[in-house]
Protein backbone atom coordinates (compact mmCIF):
# COMPACT_ATOMS: atom_id res chain seq x y z
CA UNK A 1 -5.88 3.27 13.44
CA UNK A 2 -4.63 5.74 10.83
CA UNK A 3 -1.04 6.89 10.96
CA UNK A 4 0.01 10.50 10.50
CA UNK A 5 0.70 10.02 6.77
CA UNK A 6 -2.85 8.87 6.10
CA UNK A 7 -4.31 11.58 8.31
CA UNK A 8 -2.40 14.25 6.38
CA UNK A 9 -3.54 12.83 3.05
CA UNK A 10 -7.18 12.47 4.02
CA UNK A 11 -7.81 16.09 5.06
CA UNK A 12 -9.96 18.47 3.10
CA UNK A 13 -8.94 20.70 1.48
CA UNK A 14 -5.98 18.62 0.33
CA UNK A 15 -2.37 19.62 0.73
CA UNK A 16 -0.61 20.49 -2.55
CA UNK A 17 2.48 18.57 -1.49
CA UNK A 18 3.18 16.20 1.36
CA UNK A 19 6.71 15.48 2.58
CA UNK A 20 7.00 12.60 5.00
CA UNK A 21 10.10 11.44 6.81
CA UNK A 22 10.91 7.88 7.83
CA UNK A 23 14.05 6.91 9.71
CA UNK A 24 14.07 3.30 8.48
CA UNK A 25 15.16 3.24 4.78
CA UNK A 26 13.29 0.04 3.88
CA UNK A 27 10.12 1.28 5.58
CA UNK A 28 10.47 4.60 3.73
CA UNK A 29 10.42 2.75 0.39
CA UNK A 30 7.44 0.62 1.46
CA UNK A 31 5.52 3.65 2.68
CA UNK A 32 6.26 5.59 -0.50
CA UNK A 33 5.05 2.69 -2.67
CA UNK A 34 1.90 2.25 -0.59
CA UNK A 35 1.04 5.96 -0.64
CA UNK A 36 1.75 6.37 -4.37
CA UNK A 37 -0.69 3.51 -5.08
CA UNK A 38 -3.36 4.74 -2.66
CA UNK A 39 -3.07 8.44 -3.61
CA UNK A 40 -1.86 8.62 -7.25
CA UNK A 41 -0.76 12.02 -8.54
CA UNK A 42 -0.90 13.71 -5.12
CA UNK A 43 2.63 15.14 -4.82
CA UNK A 44 3.72 12.81 -2.04
CA UNK A 45 7.36 12.26 -1.21
CA UNK A 46 8.74 10.03 1.53
CA UNK A 47 12.25 11.07 2.57
CA UNK A 48 14.48 8.48 4.19
CA UNK A 49 16.43 9.67 7.21
CA UNK A 50 16.21 11.81 10.31
CA UNK A 51 13.69 14.60 9.69
CA UNK A 52 15.77 17.02 11.75
CA UNK A 53 18.62 16.59 9.27
CA UNK A 54 16.56 16.13 6.10
CA UNK A 55 13.85 18.80 6.36
CA UNK A 56 15.88 21.76 5.04
CA UNK A 57 17.27 19.91 1.98
CA UNK A 58 13.82 18.40 1.29
CA UNK A 59 12.08 21.79 1.44
CA UNK A 60 14.73 23.39 -0.77
CA UNK A 61 13.81 20.92 -3.55
CA UNK A 62 10.21 22.16 -3.73
CA UNK A 63 9.18 24.35 -6.66
CA UNK A 64 10.30 27.98 -6.14
CA UNK A 65 6.69 29.23 -6.35
CA UNK A 66 5.48 26.79 -3.71
CA UNK A 67 3.44 28.44 -0.93
CA UNK A 68 3.95 27.22 2.61
CA UNK A 69 0.46 28.27 3.72
CA UNK A 70 -2.89 26.57 3.40
CA UNK A 71 -5.49 28.01 1.10
CA UNK A 72 -9.14 27.30 0.48
CA UNK A 73 -10.18 25.68 -2.79
CA UNK A 74 -13.74 26.93 -3.07
């Protein structure tokens, strides 16, 4: 069964950036390594910690021109 990370990365059209949050620090590193190998160059970042505390700082590190809305790539 696919987890939410793989579901997010397997959609079409693809997301420009994917931020994932993992409470367990060692699992966050493992997940990041696994996803970087499986989806090279995809703008994936796994953030270690509670997503409720980490989401605002993580979003603030995105590029200033980043759009928070989906768009079609036709």
